[in-house]
Amino acid sequence: MLAKSKYLLKHGCVNSDTPMTSYVTIKLPKTLAEQIDDVLERQNLGYTSRAELVKDAVRSFLAANKQDKSS
């Protein structure tokens, strides 16, 4: 239980149900940001900002590349 608490505090959560607002800044090349903006303008994907699209893309990438912890 203590290890989980340390993990949650380290990663910006008081407990698993109460995330704290803590962010880091990621820099993208301007051309990549412009490509994201073009996609957001042309397609109705439901994203209201670049940040939402990028967060979703990173989550998808991490889920697809998650390693089996039992090995």
C-alpha atoms as a PDB file:
ATOM      1  CA  MET A   1       0.000   0.000   0.000  1.00  0.00           C
ATOM      2  CA  LEU A   2       2.831   2.387   0.817  1.00  0.00           C
ATOM      3  CA  ALA A   3       4.476   1.779  -2.583  1.00  0.00           C
ATOM      4  CA  LYS A   4       1.189   2.586  -4.325  1.00  0.00           C
ATOM      5  CA  SER A   5       0.851   5.807  -2.319  1.00  0.00           C
ATOM      6  CA  LYS A   6       4.370   6.891  -3.256  1.00  0.00           C
ATOM      7  CA  TYR A   7       3.605   6.118  -6.913  1.00  0.00           C
ATOM      8  CA  LEU A   8       0.383   8.130  -6.864  1.00  0.00           C
ATOM      9  CA  LEU A   9       2.053  11.110  -5.189  1.00  0.00           C
ATOM     10  CA  LYS A  10       5.000  10.977  -7.584  1.00  0.00           C
ATOM     11  CA  HIS A  11       2.650  10.926 -10.576  1.00  0.00           C
ATOM     12  CA  GLY A  12       0.416  13.748  -9.412  1.00  0.00           C
ATOM     13  CA  CYS A  13      -2.424  11.925  -7.668  1.00  0.00           C
ATOM     14  CA  VAL A  14      -3.549  12.176  -4.079  1.00  0.00           C
ATOM     15  CA  ASN A  15      -5.407   8.890  -4.558  1.00  0.00           C
ATOM     16  CA  SER A  16      -6.518   6.939  -7.597  1.00  0.00           C
ATOM     17  CA  ASP A  17      -9.839   8.838  -7.776  1.00  0.00           C
ATOM     18  CA  THR A  18      -8.481  12.373  -7.331  1.00  0.00           C
ATOM     19  CA  PRO A  19      -5.947  13.401  -9.966  1.00  0.00           C
ATOM     20  CA  MET A  20      -4.118  16.649  -9.310  1.00  0.00           C
ATOM     21  CA  THR A  21      -3.665  19.121 -12.129  1.00  0.00           C
ATOM     22  CA  SER A  22      -0.019  18.677 -12.970  1.00  0.00           C
ATOM     23  CA  TYR A  23       1.392  19.041 -16.472  1.00  0.00           C
ATOM     24  CA  VAL A  24       4.660  19.041 -18.360  1.00  0.00           C
ATOM     25  CA  THR A  25       5.385  20.883 -21.575  1.00  0.00           C
ATOM     26  CA  ILE A  26       6.262  18.969 -24.719  1.00  0.00           C
ATOM     27  CA  LYS A  27       7.768  20.810 -27.662  1.00  0.00           C
ATOM     28  CA  LEU A  28       6.852  19.890 -31.236  1.00  0.00           C
ATOM     29  CA  PRO A  29       8.336  21.182 -34.442  1.00  0.00           C
ATOM     30  CA  LYS A  30       6.132  23.942 -35.869  1.00  0.00           C
ATOM     31  CA  THR A  31       5.451  21.944 -39.033  1.00  0.00           C
ATOM     32  CA  LEU A  32       4.117  19.019 -36.996  1.00  0.00           C
ATOM     33  CA  ALA A  33       1.875  21.324 -34.953  1.00  0.00           C
ATOM     34  CA  GLU A  34       0.574  22.841 -38.200  1.00  0.00           C
ATOM     35  CA  GLN A  35      -0.206  19.365 -39.554  1.00  0.00           C
ATOM     36  CA  ILE A  36      -2.172  18.611 -36.384  1.00  0.00           C
ATOM     37  CA  ASP A  37      -4.057  21.897 -36.783  1.00  0.00           C
ATOM     38  CA  ASP A  38      -4.886  21.011 -40.408  1.00  0.00           C
ATOM     39  CA  VAL A  39      -6.312  17.644 -39.354  1.00  0.00           C
ATOM     40  CA  LEU A  40      -8.351  19.274 -36.584  1.00  0.00           C
ATOM     41  CA  GLU A  41      -9.782  21.822 -39.033  1.00  0.00           C
ATOM     42  CA  ARG A  42     -10.595  19.349 -41.839  1.00  0.00           C
ATOM     43  CA  GLN A  43     -11.950  16.453 -39.803  1.00  0.00           C
ATOM     44  CA  ASN A  44     -14.531  16.403 -37.074  1.00  0.00           C
ATOM     45  CA  LEU A  45     -12.672  14.097 -34.700  1.00  0.00           C
ATOM     46  CA  GLY A  46     -14.168  15.519 -31.516  1.00  0.00           C
ATOM     47  CA  TYR A  47     -10.961  17.123 -30.264  1.00  0.00           C
ATOM     48  CA  THR A  48     -11.146  20.731 -29.118  1.00  0.00           C
ATOM     49  CA  SER A  49      -7.388  21.307 -29.013  1.00  0.00           C
ATOM     50  CA  ARG A  50      -4.016  20.024 -30.132  1.00  0.00           C
ATOM     51  CA  ALA A  51      -3.344  18.914 -26.572  1.00  0.00           C
ATOM     52  CA  GLU A  52      -6.396  16.627 -26.521  1.00  0.00           C
ATOM     53  CA  LEU A  53      -5.388  14.974 -29.787  1.00  0.00           C
ATOM     54  CA  VAL A  54      -1.767  14.549 -28.668  1.00  0.00           C
ATOM     55  CA  LYS A  55      -2.751  13.124 -25.247  1.00  0.00           C
ATOM     56  CA  ASP A  56      -5.050  10.621 -26.948  1.00  0.00           C
ATOM     57  CA  ALA A  57      -2.354   9.674 -29.472  1.00  0.00           C
ATOM     58  CA  VAL A  58       0.220   9.154 -26.711  1.00  0.00           C
ATOM     59  CA  ARG A  59      -2.222   7.030 -24.688  1.00  0.00           C
ATOM     60  CA  SER A  60      -2.907   4.887 -27.782  1.00  0.00           C
ATOM     61  CA  PHE A  61       0.810   4.517 -28.452  1.00  0.00           C
ATOM     62  CA  LEU A  62       1.513   3.492 -24.855  1.00  0.00           C
ATOM     63  CA  ALA A  63      -1.357   1.004 -24.813  1.00  0.00           C
ATOM     64  CA  ALA A  64      -0.166  -0.547 -28.090  1.00  0.00           C
ATOM     65  CA  ASN A  65       3.397  -0.810 -26.797  1.00  0.00           C
ATOM     66  CA  LYS A  66       2.659  -1.917 -23.252  1.00  0.00           C
ATOM     67  CA  GLN A  67       4.982  -4.730 -22.228  1.00  0.00           C
ATOM     68  CA  ASP A  68       3.707  -7.781 -20.409  1.00  0.00           C
ATOM     69  CA  LYS A  69       4.851  -7.257 -16.803  1.00  0.00           C
ATOM     70  CA  SER A  70       4.853 -10.993 -16.071  1.00  0.00           C
ATOM     71  CA  SER A  71       7.950 -11.615 -18.217  1.00  0.00           C
END
